[in-house]
C-alpha atoms as a PDB file:
ATOM      1  CA  MET A   1       0.000   0.000   0.000  1.00  0.00           C
ATOM      2  CA  SER A   2       1.331   3.407  -0.961  1.00  0.00           C
ATOM      3  CA  ALA A   3       2.132   6.050   1.626  1.00  0.00           C
ATOM      4  CA  TRP A   4      -0.647   8.428   2.536  1.00  0.00           C
ATOM      5  CA  THR A   5      -0.551  11.612   0.509  1.00  0.00           C
ATOM      6  CA  ASN A   6      -0.530  15.199   1.722  1.00  0.00           C
ATOM      7  CA  ILE A   7      -4.259  15.710   1.100  1.00  0.00           C
ATOM      8  CA  GLU A   8      -5.185  12.344   2.609  1.00  0.00           C
ATOM      9  CA  CYS A   9      -3.316  13.204   5.814  1.00  0.00           C
ATOM     10  CA  GLU A  10      -4.992  16.603   5.956  1.00  0.00           C
ATOM     11  CA  LEU A  11      -8.436  15.038   5.534  1.00  0.00           C
ATOM     12  CA  ILE A  12      -8.003  12.373   8.193  1.00  0.00           C
ATOM     13  CA  VAL A  13      -6.445  14.794  10.681  1.00  0.00           C
ATOM     14  CA  ALA A  14      -9.371  17.192  10.283  1.00  0.00           C
ATOM     15  CA  ASP A  15     -11.826  14.307  10.704  1.00  0.00           C
ATOM     16  CA  TYR A  16     -10.025  13.114  13.844  1.00  0.00           C
ATOM     17  CA  PHE A  17     -10.144  16.546  15.441  1.00  0.00           C
ATOM     18  CA  ARG A  18     -13.865  16.862  14.680  1.00  0.00           C
ATOM     19  CA  MET A  19     -14.426  13.659  16.628  1.00  0.00           C
ATOM     20  CA  LEU A  20     -12.041  14.651  19.400  1.00  0.00           C
ATOM     21  CA  SER A  21     -13.791  17.993  19.848  1.00  0.00           C
ATOM     22  CA  MET A  22     -17.142  16.222  20.189  1.00  0.00           C
ATOM     23  CA  GLU A  23     -15.700  13.717  22.659  1.00  0.00           C
ATOM     24  CA  LEU A  24     -14.159  16.422  24.834  1.00  0.00           C
ATOM     25  CA  THR A  25     -17.425  18.374  24.917  1.00  0.00           C
ATOM     26  CA  GLY A  26     -19.646  15.367  25.612  1.00  0.00           C
ATOM     27  CA  VAL A  27     -21.329  15.176  22.180  1.00  0.00           C
ATOM     28  CA  ASN A  28     -22.196  11.686  20.925  1.00  0.00           C
ATOM     29  CA  TYR A  29     -20.784  10.596  17.567  1.00  0.00           C
ATOM     30  CA  ASN A  30     -20.252   7.408  15.563  1.00  0.00           C
ATOM     31  CA  LYS A  31     -16.686   6.458  14.664  1.00  0.00           C
ATOM     32  CA  ALA A  32     -17.745   3.962  12.000  1.00  0.00           C
ATOM     33  CA  ALA A  33     -19.905   6.588  10.299  1.00  0.00           C
ATOM     34  CA  HIS A  34     -16.985   8.981  10.236  1.00  0.00           C
ATOM     35  CA  ARG A  35     -14.800   6.334   8.602  1.00  0.00           C
ATOM     36  CA  ARG A  36     -17.482   5.582   5.990  1.00  0.00           C
ATOM     37  CA  ASN A  37     -17.884   9.262   5.134  1.00  0.00           C
ATOM     38  CA  LEU A  38     -14.127   9.717   4.869  1.00  0.00           C
ATOM     39  CA  GLN A  39     -13.415   6.637   2.750  1.00  0.00           C
ATOM     40  CA  PRO A  40     -14.652   7.970  -0.658  1.00  0.00           C
ATOM     41  CA  LEU A  41     -12.305  10.963  -0.279  1.00  0.00           C
ATOM     42  CA  LEU A  42      -9.231   8.753   0.070  1.00  0.00           C
ATOM     43  CA  HIS A  43      -7.272   6.607  -2.377  1.00  0.00           C
ATOM     44  CA  SER A  44      -8.969   3.211  -1.918  1.00  0.00           C
ATOM     45  CA  ARG A  45      -8.023   3.024   1.746  1.00  0.00           C
ATOM     46  CA  SER A  46      -9.554   0.141   3.687  1.00  0.00           C
ATOM     47  CA  ASP A  47     -11.572   0.613   6.833  1.00  0.00           C
ATOM     48  CA  GLY A  48      -8.721  -0.963   8.806  1.00  0.00           C
ATOM     49  CA  SER A  49      -6.177   1.364   7.219  1.00  0.00           C
ATOM     50  CA  ILE A  50      -8.243   4.415   8.169  1.00  0.00           C
ATOM     51  CA  GLU A  51      -8.656   3.175  11.720  1.00  0.00           C
ATOM     52  CA  PHE A  52      -4.915   2.544  12.030  1.00  0.00           C
ATOM     53  CA  LYS A  53      -4.220   6.089  10.848  1.00  0.00           C
ATOM     54  CA  HIS A  54      -6.598   7.424  13.491  1.00  0.00           C
ATOM     55  CA  GLN A  55      -4.617   5.434  16.050  1.00  0.00           C
ATOM     56  CA  ASN A  56      -1.424   7.001  14.704  1.00  0.00           C
ATOM     57  CA  ILE A  57      -2.936  10.443  15.329  1.00  0.00           C
ATOM     58  CA  SER A  58      -3.673   9.407  18.928  1.00  0.00           C
ATOM     59  CA  ALA A  59      -0.001   8.511  19.271  1.00  0.00           C
ATOM     60  CA  VAL A  60       1.086  11.894  17.878  1.00  0.00           C
ATOM     61  CA  LEU A  61      -1.149  13.701  20.373  1.00  0.00           C
ATOM     62  CA  ILE A  62       0.264  11.643  23.234  1.00  0.00           C
ATOM     63  CA  ARG A  63       3.762  12.593  22.086  1.00  0.00           C
ATOM     64  CA  LEU A  64       2.599  16.210  22.209  1.00  0.00           C
ATOM     65  CA  GLY A  65       1.175  15.776  25.714  1.00  0.00           C
ATOM     66  CA  GLN A  66      -2.442  16.266  24.635  1.00  0.00           C
ATOM     67  CA  PRO A  67      -5.717  14.325  25.107  1.00  0.00           C
ATOM     68  CA  TYR A  68      -6.803  11.923  22.398  1.00  0.00           C
ATOM     69  CA  ILE A  69      -9.825   9.851  21.356  1.00  0.00           C
ATOM     70  CA  LYS A  70     -10.145   7.006  23.851  1.00  0.00           C
ATOM     71  CA  GLY A  71     -11.500   4.578  21.262  1.00  0.00           C
ATOM     72  CA  TYR A  72      -8.430   4.937  19.063  1.00  0.00           C
ATOM     73  CA  LEU A  73      -5.609   3.338  20.999  1.00  0.00           C
ATOM     74  CA  PRO A  74      -2.203   4.785  20.108  1.00  0.00           C
ATOM     75  CA  ARG A  75      -0.034   3.125  17.479  1.00  0.00           C
ATOM     76  CA  PHE A  76       3.451   4.575  17.316  1.00  0.00           C
ATOM     77  CA  ASN A  77       4.671   3.545  13.863  1.00  0.00           C
ATOM     78  CA  ILE A  78       3.914   7.068  12.648  1.00  0.00           C
ATOM     79  CA  GLN A  79       4.343   8.511   9.167  1.00  0.00           C
ATOM     80  CA  GLN A  80       6.371  11.718   9.500  1.00  0.00           C
ATOM     81  CA  LEU A  81       3.992  13.604   7.204  1.00  0.00           C
ATOM     82  CA  LEU A  82       1.067  12.711   9.453  1.00  0.00           C
ATOM     83  CA  ALA A  83       2.819  14.098  12.540  1.00  0.00           C
ATOM     84  CA  GLU A  84       3.556  17.297  10.632  1.00  0.00           C
ATOM     85  CA  LYS A  85      -0.104  17.620   9.610  1.00  0.00           C
ATOM     86  CA  VAL A  86      -1.303  17.193  13.211  1.00  0.00           C
ATOM     87  CA  ILE A  87       1.004  19.990  14.343  1.00  0.00           C
ATOM     88  CA  GLU A  88      -0.026  22.109  11.361  1.00  0.00           C
ATOM     89  CA  TYR A  89      -3.676  21.635  12.341  1.00  0.00           C
ATOM     90  CA  LEU A  90      -2.939  22.741  15.905  1.00  0.00           C
ATOM     91  CA  HIS A  91      -1.204  25.868  14.572  1.00  0.00           C
ATOM     92  CA  GLN A  92      -4.253  26.691  12.466  1.00  0.00           C
ATOM     93  CA  HIS A  93      -6.862  25.870  15.150  1.00  0.00           C
ATOM     94  CA  GLN A  94      -5.313  27.049  18.397  1.00  0.00           C
ATOM     95  CA  SER A  95      -8.753  27.563  19.950  1.00  0.00           C
ATOM     96  CA  ILE A  96      -8.847  23.816  20.591  1.00  0.00           C
ATOM     97  CA  GLU A  97      -6.423  24.406  23.448  1.00  0.00           C
ATOM     98  CA  GLN A  98      -9.338  25.742  25.489  1.00  0.00           C
ATOM     99  CA  GLN A  99     -11.008  22.329  25.193  1.00  0.00           C
ATOM    100  CA  PHE A 100      -7.776  20.644  26.287  1.00  0.00           C
ATOM    101  CA  LYS A 101      -7.630  23.012  29.266  1.00  0.00           C
ATOM    102  CA  LEU A 102     -11.219  22.246  30.305  1.00  0.00           C
ATOM    103  CA  PHE A 103     -10.504  18.527  29.948  1.00  0.00           C
ATOM    104  CA  SER A 104      -7.568  18.762  32.335  1.00  0.00           C
ATOM    105  CA  GLU A 105      -9.224  20.967  34.939  1.00  0.00           C
ATOM    106  CA  SER A 106     -12.796  19.674  35.198  1.00  0.00           C
ATOM    107  CA  PRO A 107     -13.062  16.125  36.579  1.00  0.00           C
ATOM    108  CA  GLU A 108     -16.449  14.491  36.239  1.00  0.00           C
ATOM    109  CA  ILE A 109     -17.635  13.285  39.632  1.00  0.00           C
ATOM    110  CA  ILE A 110     -18.248   9.644  40.404  1.00  0.00           C
ATOM    111  CA  THR A 111     -18.207   7.952  43.781  1.00  0.00           C
ATOM    112  CA  ALA A 112     -16.826   4.656  45.003  1.00  0.00           C
ATOM    113  CA  PRO A 113     -20.249   2.931  45.343  1.00  0.00           C
ATOM    114  CA  SER A 114     -20.829   3.376  41.591  1.00  0.00           C
ATOM    115  CA  VAL A 115     -17.901   1.088  40.805  1.00  0.00           C
ATOM    116  CA  ASP A 116     -18.359  -2.684  40.710  1.00  0.00           C
ATOM    117  CA  PHE A 117     -15.112  -3.848  42.317  1.00  0.00           C
ATOM    118  CA  ASP A 118     -15.759  -7.418  41.151  1.00  0.00           C
ATOM    119  CA  LYS A 119     -15.350  -6.255  37.548  1.00  0.00           C
ATOM    120  CA  TRP A 120     -13.085  -3.248  37.614  1.00  0.00           C
ATOM    121  CA  ARG A 121      -9.630  -4.896  37.528  1.00  0.00           C
ATOM    122  CA  VAL A 122      -8.194  -5.543  34.049  1.00  0.00           C
ATOM    123  CA  ASN A 123      -4.866  -6.640  32.624  1.00  0.00           C
ATOM    124  CA  PRO A 124      -2.184  -3.976  32.127  1.00  0.00           C
ATOM    125  CA  PRO A 125      -1.367  -2.780  28.598  1.00  0.00           C
ATOM    126  CA  GLU A 126       0.986  -4.780  26.438  1.00  0.00           C
ATOM    127  CA  THR A 127       4.504  -3.366  26.587  1.00  0.00           C
ATOM    128  CA  THR A 128       6.004  -5.061  23.533  1.00  0.00           C
ATOM    129  CA  GLU A 129       5.494  -2.018  21.290  1.00  0.00           C
ATOM    130  CA  PRO A 130       7.830   0.835  22.294  1.00  0.00           C
ATOM    131  CA  LYS A 131       5.985   3.908  23.490  1.00  0.00           C
ATOM    132  CA  VAL A 132       8.855   6.046  22.206  1.00  0.00           C
ATOM    133  CA  PRO A 133      10.100   4.203  19.111  1.00  0.00           C
ATOM    134  CA  SER A 134      13.768   4.216  18.231  1.00  0.00           C
ATOM    135  CA  ASP A 135      13.211   5.848  14.827  1.00  0.00           C
ATOM    136  CA  MET A 136      11.723   8.957  16.439  1.00  0.00           C
ATOM    137  CA  VAL A 137      14.347   9.981  18.946  1.00  0.00           C
ATOM    138  CA  ASN A 138      16.685  12.095  16.809  1.00  0.00           C
ATOM    139  CA  GLU A 139      15.781  14.205  13.754  1.00  0.00           C
ATOM    140  CA  GLN A 140      12.084  13.368  13.947  1.00  0.00           C
ATOM    141  CA  ASP A 141      11.944  14.651  17.511  1.00  0.00           C
ATOM    142  CA  LEU A 142      12.459  18.124  16.075  1.00  0.00           C
ATOM    143  CA  ILE A 143       8.984  17.912  14.532  1.00  0.00           C
ATOM    144  CA  TYR A 144       7.413  17.835  17.966  1.00  0.00           C
ATOM    145  CA  LEU A 145       9.315  20.920  19.102  1.00  0.00           C
ATOM    146  CA  ASN A 146       7.069  22.860  16.711  1.00  0.00           C
ATOM    147  CA  ASN A 147       4.032  22.114  18.868  1.00  0.00           C
ATOM    148  CA  PRO A 148       2.123  25.398  19.348  1.00  0.00           C
ATOM    149  CA  ILE A 149       0.531  24.158  22.592  1.00  0.00           C
ATOM    150  CA  LYS A 150       3.184  24.556  25.240  1.00  0.00           C
ATOM    151  CA  THR A 151       1.224  23.087  28.160  1.00  0.00           C
ATOM    152  CA  ASN A 152       1.268  19.321  28.621  1.00  0.00           C
ATOM    153  CA  TYR A 153      -2.426  18.784  29.322  1.00  0.00           C
ATOM    154  CA  LEU A 154      -1.969  15.079  30.051  1.00  0.00           C
ATOM    155  CA  GLU A 155       0.353  16.035  32.881  1.00  0.00           C
ATOM    156  CA  ARG A 156      -1.968  18.889  33.883  1.00  0.00           C
ATOM    157  CA  GLU A 157      -4.853  16.405  34.163  1.00  0.00           C
ATOM    158  CA  GLN A 158      -2.802  14.203  36.472  1.00  0.00           C
ATOM    159  CA  GLN A 159      -2.053  17.255  38.621  1.00  0.00           C
ATOM    160  CA  ASN A 160      -5.774  17.909  39.055  1.00  0.00           C
ATOM    161  CA  SER A 161      -6.127  17.383  42.805  1.00  0.00           C
ATOM    162  CA  LYS A 162      -9.828  16.495  42.699  1.00  0.00           C
ATOM    163  CA  LEU A 163      -9.284  13.845  40.058  1.00  0.00           C
ATOM    164  CA  GLY A 164      -6.284  12.455  41.921  1.00  0.00           C
ATOM    165  CA  GLU A 165      -8.168  12.266  45.201  1.00  0.00           C
ATOM    166  CA  LEU A 166     -11.044  10.505  43.466  1.00  0.00           C
ATOM    167  CA  GLY A 167      -8.735   7.793  42.124  1.00  0.00           C
ATOM    168  CA  GLU A 168      -6.997   7.378  45.464  1.00  0.00           C
ATOM    169  CA  GLU A 169     -10.306   7.082  47.282  1.00  0.00           C
ATOM    170  CA  LEU A 170     -11.446   4.384  44.867  1.00  0.00           C
ATOM    171  CA  VAL A 171      -8.245   2.398  45.426  1.00  0.00           C
ATOM    172  CA  LEU A 172      -8.489   2.872  49.197  1.00  0.00           C
ATOM    173  CA  GLU A 173     -12.035   1.470  49.220  1.00  0.00           C
ATOM    174  CA  TYR A 174     -11.049  -1.322  46.852  1.00  0.00           C
ATOM    175  CA  GLU A 175      -8.166  -2.451  49.058  1.00  0.00           C
ATOM    176  CA  ARG A 176     -10.455  -2.520  52.095  1.00  0.00           C
ATOM    177  CA  TRP A 177     -13.165  -4.324  50.138  1.00  0.00           C
ATOM    178  CA  GLN A 178     -10.704  -6.928  48.870  1.00  0.00           C
ATOM    179  CA  LEU A 179      -9.325  -7.715  52.341  1.00  0.00           C
ATOM    180  CA  LYS A 180     -12.812  -7.962  53.826  1.00  0.00           C
ATOM    181  CA  LYS A 181     -13.798 -10.323  51.019  1.00  0.00           C
ATOM    182  CA  LEU A 182     -10.879 -12.550  52.049  1.00  0.00           C
ATOM    183  CA  GLY A 183     -12.009 -12.488  55.672  1.00  0.00           C
ATOM    184  CA  LYS A 184      -9.250 -10.090  56.744  1.00  0.00           C
ATOM    185  CA  ASP A 185     -11.382  -7.437  58.453  1.00  0.00           C
ATOM    186  CA  ARG A 186      -8.632  -6.534  60.914  1.00  0.00           C
ATOM    187  CA  LEU A 187      -6.178  -5.879  58.094  1.00  0.00           C
ATOM    188  CA  ALA A 188      -8.805  -3.921  56.171  1.00  0.00           C
ATOM    189  CA  LYS A 189      -9.007  -1.473  59.064  1.00  0.00           C
ATOM    190  CA  GLN A 190      -5.250  -0.873  58.768  1.00  0.00           C
ATOM    191  CA  VAL A 191      -5.439   0.394  55.174  1.00  0.00           C
ATOM    192  CA  THR A 192      -4.609   4.105  55.311  1.00  0.00           C
ATOM    193  CA  TRP A 193      -4.646   7.042  52.926  1.00  0.00           C
ATOM    194  CA  VAL A 194      -1.080   8.242  53.455  1.00  0.00           C
ATOM    195  CA  SER A 195      -1.019  11.049  50.877  1.00  0.00           C
ATOM    196  CA  LYS A 196      -3.929  12.799  52.595  1.00  0.00           C
ATOM    197  CA  ASP A 197      -1.503  13.907  55.301  1.00  0.00           C
ATOM    198  CA  ASN A 198       1.855  13.461  53.576  1.00  0.00           C
ATOM    199  CA  ASP A 199       2.095  13.969  49.822  1.00  0.00           C
ATOM    200  CA  ARG A 200       5.865  13.423  49.844  1.00  0.00           C
ATOM    201  CA  ALA A 201       5.905   9.870  51.160  1.00  0.00           C
ATOM    202  CA  GLY A 202       6.574   8.410  47.705  1.00  0.00           C
ATOM    203  CA  TYR A 203       3.271   6.509  47.647  1.00  0.00           C
ATOM    204  CA  ASP A 204      -0.424   7.201  48.282  1.00  0.00           C
ATOM    205  CA  ILE A 205      -2.005   4.201  50.024  1.00  0.00           C
ATOM    206  CA  LEU A 206      -0.570   1.924  52.697  1.00  0.00           C
ATOM    207  CA  SER A 207      -2.407  -1.370  52.371  1.00  0.00           C
ATOM    208  CA  ARG A 208      -1.766  -4.898  53.610  1.00  0.00           C
ATOM    209  CA  ASN A 209      -1.129  -8.229  51.990  1.00  0.00           C
ATOM    210  CA  VAL A 210      -3.079 -11.212  53.312  1.00  0.00           C
ATOM    211  CA  ASP A 211      -0.108 -12.185  55.478  1.00  0.00           C
ATOM    212  CA  GLY A 212      -0.179  -8.749  57.115  1.00  0.00           C
ATOM    213  CA  SER A 213       2.919  -7.386  55.372  1.00  0.00           C
ATOM    214  CA  GLU A 214       2.906  -3.830  54.072  1.00  0.00           C
ATOM    215  CA  LYS A 215       1.812  -2.960  50.554  1.00  0.00           C
ATOM    216  CA  TYR A 216       2.750   0.470  49.193  1.00  0.00           C
ATOM    217  CA  ILE A 217       0.439   1.753  46.470  1.00  0.00           C
ATOM    218  CA  GLU A 218       0.981   4.682  44.140  1.00  0.00           C
ATOM    219  CA  VAL A 219      -2.230   5.739  42.355  1.00  0.00           C
ATOM    220  CA  LYS A 220      -2.285   7.489  38.977  1.00  0.00           C
ATOM    221  CA  THR A 221      -5.690   8.502  37.616  1.00  0.00           C
ATOM    222  CA  THR A 222      -6.957   9.588  34.205  1.00  0.00           C
ATOM    223  CA  LYS A 223     -10.248  10.087  32.400  1.00  0.00           C
ATOM    224  CA  LEU A 224      -8.612   8.635  29.283  1.00  0.00           C
ATOM    225  CA  GLY A 225      -7.646   5.058  28.418  1.00  0.00           C
ATOM    226  CA  LYS A 226      -5.158   2.737  30.050  1.00  0.00           C
ATOM    227  CA  GLU A 227      -2.428   3.469  27.475  1.00  0.00           C
ATOM    228  CA  THR A 228      -2.306   7.127  28.542  1.00  0.00           C
ATOM    229  CA  PRO A 229       1.169   8.074  29.826  1.00  0.00           C
ATOM    230  CA  PHE A 230       1.516   8.930  33.502  1.00  0.00           C
ATOM    231  CA  PHE A 231       4.067  11.098  35.242  1.00  0.00           C
ATOM    232  CA  PHE A 232       6.082  10.362  38.347  1.00  0.00           C
ATOM    233  CA  SER A 233       8.482  12.307  40.511  1.00  0.00           C
ATOM    234  CA  LYS A 234      12.049  11.532  41.475  1.00  0.00           C
ATOM    235  CA  GLY A 235      10.824  10.868  45.027  1.00  0.00           C
ATOM    236  CA  GLU A 236       8.299   8.312  43.780  1.00  0.00           C
ATOM    237  CA  LEU A 237      10.965   6.648  41.658  1.00  0.00           C
ATOM    238  CA  LEU A 238      13.433   6.437  44.540  1.00  0.00           C
ATOM    239  CA  PHE A 239      10.834   4.995  46.898  1.00  0.00           C
ATOM    240  CA  SER A 240       9.802   2.390  44.323  1.00  0.00           C
ATOM    241  CA  GLN A 241      13.450   1.387  43.904  1.00  0.00           C
ATOM    242  CA  ARG A 242      13.949   1.041  47.655  1.00  0.00           C
ATOM    243  CA  SER A 243      10.713  -0.900  48.201  1.00  0.00           C
ATOM    244  CA  ALA A 244      10.358  -2.713  44.863  1.00  0.00           C
ATOM    245  CA  ASP A 245       9.039  -5.988  46.309  1.00  0.00           C
ATOM    246  CA  ASP A 246       6.194  -4.200  48.093  1.00  0.00           C
ATOM    247  CA  TYR A 247       5.548  -1.339  45.664  1.00  0.00           C
ATOM    248  CA  HIS A 248       2.469  -1.332  43.426  1.00  0.00           C
ATOM    249  CA  LEU A 249       1.467   1.129  40.730  1.00  0.00           C
ATOM    250  CA  CYS A 250      -2.334   1.302  40.399  1.00  0.00           C
ATOM    251  CA  ARG A 251      -3.505   2.979  37.215  1.00  0.00           C
ATOM    252  CA  VAL A 252      -7.146   4.093  37.423  1.00  0.00           C
ATOM    253  CA  PHE A 253      -8.497   4.981  33.972  1.00  0.00           C
ATOM    254  CA  ASN A 254     -11.790   5.804  32.228  1.00  0.00           C
ATOM    255  CA  VAL A 255     -12.673   7.249  35.618  1.00  0.00           C
ATOM    256  CA  ALA A 256     -15.430   9.534  34.338  1.00  0.00           C
ATOM    257  CA  THR A 257     -17.374   6.890  32.427  1.00  0.00           C
ATOM    258  CA  ASP A 258     -16.535   3.277  33.296  1.00  0.00           C
ATOM    259  CA  ALA A 259     -13.726   3.285  35.856  1.00  0.00           C
ATOM    260  CA  LYS A 260     -11.241   0.433  35.565  1.00  0.00           C
ATOM    261  CA  ILE A 261      -7.870  -0.340  37.115  1.00  0.00           C
ATOM    262  CA  PHE A 262      -4.722  -2.283  36.397  1.00  0.00           C
ATOM    263  CA  SER A 263      -1.712  -2.657  38.627  1.00  0.00           C
ATOM    264  CA  LYS A 264       1.953  -3.533  38.319  1.00  0.00           C
ATOM    265  CA  GLN A 265       4.373  -4.463  41.073  1.00  0.00           C
ATOM    266  CA  GLY A 266       7.984  -3.338  41.206  1.00  0.00           C
ATOM    267  CA  ARG A 267      10.206  -0.319  40.675  1.00  0.00           C
ATOM    268  CA  LEU A 268       8.884   2.330  38.304  1.00  0.00           C
ATOM    269  CA  ASP A 269      11.922   2.268  36.036  1.00  0.00           C
ATOM    270  CA  VAL A 270      11.402  -1.462  35.413  1.00  0.00           C
ATOM    271  CA  ILE A 271       7.628  -1.975  35.151  1.00  0.00           C
ATOM    272  CA  CYS A 272       7.163   0.649  32.439  1.00  0.00           C
ATOM    273  CA  GLN A 273       9.089   2.456  29.737  1.00  0.00           C
ATOM    274  CA  SER A 274      10.083   5.986  30.666  1.00  0.00           C
ATOM    275  CA  GLU A 275      11.883   9.003  29.293  1.00  0.00           C
ATOM    276  CA  ALA A 276      13.363  12.133  30.812  1.00  0.00           C
ATOM    277  CA  ILE A 277      11.211  15.157  29.956  1.00  0.00           C
ATOM    278  CA  GLY A 278      13.002  17.729  32.084  1.00  0.00           C
ATOM    279  CA  PHE A 279      16.519  18.541  33.118  1.00  0.00           C
ATOM    280  CA  LYS A 280      18.250  20.633  35.753  1.00  0.00           C
ATOM    281  CA  GLY A 281      21.495  22.431  35.136  1.00  0.00           C
ATOM    282  CA  TRP A 282      23.888  24.060  37.561  1.00  0.00           C
ATOM    283  CA  PHE A 283      27.492  25.335  37.826  1.00  0.00           C
END
């Protein structure tokens, strides 16, 4: 199959942002209908090819630190022209940043009783596909420096205190629920919300294993899907390295619609891929 042309990339990027705008503002839309309407304008592209390109656009937006369409999971084998067209679109439609800002600052409210803990745990994402592929770490990185939106709204969402507290509360109640279900009521009473009083401990929840040993839980929450990048501090990294056998990352996602969770045990620099996004210099 031939590479997507300039006009094809422009058409699919515009279509993606129409859907994204509707998703961010709570307007219902049909992804399949959008693909059908787009297909006659393209050069005999299959439905699967169009969907894959939409997933590529999700990956570009993640690289730019911006929200994406939850139903189009990111695929990182990205055509350079497509990345350029996404950034070009953002330059030409900078008003969309206001929607990104509202997304990051306005958490929808749900409460712990609305979550079915029997069904909310899922498997973590596959990690075989690099989140930052090797062919995009040198010259192609320069493309992303042209991003007109300077705020990382994925990171801004994670910094939303109300959203973070909501995810932590859900995990706190889940840990207590799970221990009670196993007949460990005494241990359930020992589960504590550490970050409520100390947000520099390196973890959020102190829970217990069934044998009574300590279980340190760091909670990261998003309204987007489970593939959404999360951000961690040097203090969180150091604590996870020191307490790797007892350290658990709990990723709460889709929290505004159908909250789910996955978890991984171990040090943060081992259980996920990571990259340095900031540096400190001194003399």
